[in-house]
Amino acid sequence: MQQWLRRVPDDPSGLLRQKFRYESLQRQQQGVGKDDDVYW
């Protein structure tokens, strides 16, 4: 099990980068832009 876990890359910044890229694509597909945001 330990050998298998060591094979998983430890890259938290890459994970965040992918998350933001994914969320950005989701917003683009929904047609939500910066001008559509409501600021309080």
C-alpha atoms as a PDB file:
ATOM      1  CA  MET A   1       0.000   0.000   0.000  1.00  0.00           C
ATOM      2  CA  GLN A   2       2.824   2.441   0.866  1.00  0.00           C
ATOM      3  CA  GLN A   3       4.474   1.902  -2.531  1.00  0.00           C
ATOM      4  CA  TRP A   4       1.196   2.622  -4.271  1.00  0.00           C
ATOM      5  CA  LEU A   5       0.664   5.817  -2.262  1.00  0.00           C
ATOM      6  CA  ARG A   6       4.187   7.031  -3.075  1.00  0.00           C
ATOM      7  CA  ARG A   7       3.340   6.817  -6.777  1.00  0.00           C
ATOM      8  CA  VAL A   8       0.598   9.452  -6.387  1.00  0.00           C
ATOM      9  CA  PRO A   9       2.103  12.870  -7.224  1.00  0.00           C
ATOM     10  CA  ASP A  10       2.120  15.354  -4.355  1.00  0.00           C
ATOM     11  CA  ASP A  11       1.262  18.619  -6.119  1.00  0.00           C
ATOM     12  CA  PRO A  12      -1.275  20.749  -4.202  1.00  0.00           C
ATOM     13  CA  SER A  13      -0.685  23.790  -6.437  1.00  0.00           C
ATOM     14  CA  GLY A  14      -1.455  21.715  -9.516  1.00  0.00           C
ATOM     15  CA  LEU A  15      -4.669  20.514  -7.913  1.00  0.00           C
ATOM     16  CA  LEU A  16      -5.785  24.080  -7.213  1.00  0.00           C
ATOM     17  CA  ARG A  17      -4.813  25.158 -10.723  1.00  0.00           C
ATOM     18  CA  GLN A  18      -6.959  22.381 -12.209  1.00  0.00           C
ATOM     19  CA  LYS A  19      -9.867  23.272  -9.897  1.00  0.00           C
ATOM     20  CA  PHE A  20      -9.836  26.938 -10.945  1.00  0.00           C
ATOM     21  CA  ARG A  21      -9.519  25.985 -14.612  1.00  0.00           C
ATOM     22  CA  TYR A  22     -12.486  23.617 -14.275  1.00  0.00           C
ATOM     23  CA  GLU A  23     -14.639  26.215 -12.501  1.00  0.00           C
ATOM     24  CA  SER A  24     -13.738  28.832 -15.104  1.00  0.00           C
ATOM     25  CA  LEU A  25     -14.794  26.509 -17.919  1.00  0.00           C
ATOM     26  CA  GLN A  26     -18.055  25.754 -16.109  1.00  0.00           C
ATOM     27  CA  ARG A  27     -18.831  29.476 -15.826  1.00  0.00           C
ATOM     28  CA  GLN A  28     -18.021  30.049 -19.501  1.00  0.00           C
ATOM     29  CA  GLN A  29     -20.337  27.232 -20.551  1.00  0.00           C
ATOM     30  CA  GLN A  30     -23.124  28.688 -18.411  1.00  0.00           C
ATOM     31  CA  GLY A  31     -22.568  32.116 -19.947  1.00  0.00           C
ATOM     32  CA  VAL A  32     -21.757  33.800 -16.645  1.00  0.00           C
ATOM     33  CA  GLY A  33     -19.279  36.651 -16.992  1.00  0.00           C
ATOM     34  CA  LYS A  34     -17.638  39.094 -14.660  1.00  0.00           C
ATOM     35  CA  ASP A  35     -20.248  41.747 -15.454  1.00  0.00           C
ATOM     36  CA  ASP A  36     -23.038  39.410 -14.351  1.00  0.00           C
ATOM     37  CA  ASP A  37     -21.752  39.100 -10.783  1.00  0.00           C
ATOM     38  CA  VAL A  38     -23.645  40.829  -7.985  1.00  0.00           C
ATOM     39  CA  TYR A  39     -21.393  42.761  -5.632  1.00  0.00           C
ATOM     40  CA  TRP A  40     -22.646  43.531  -2.157  1.00  0.00           C
END
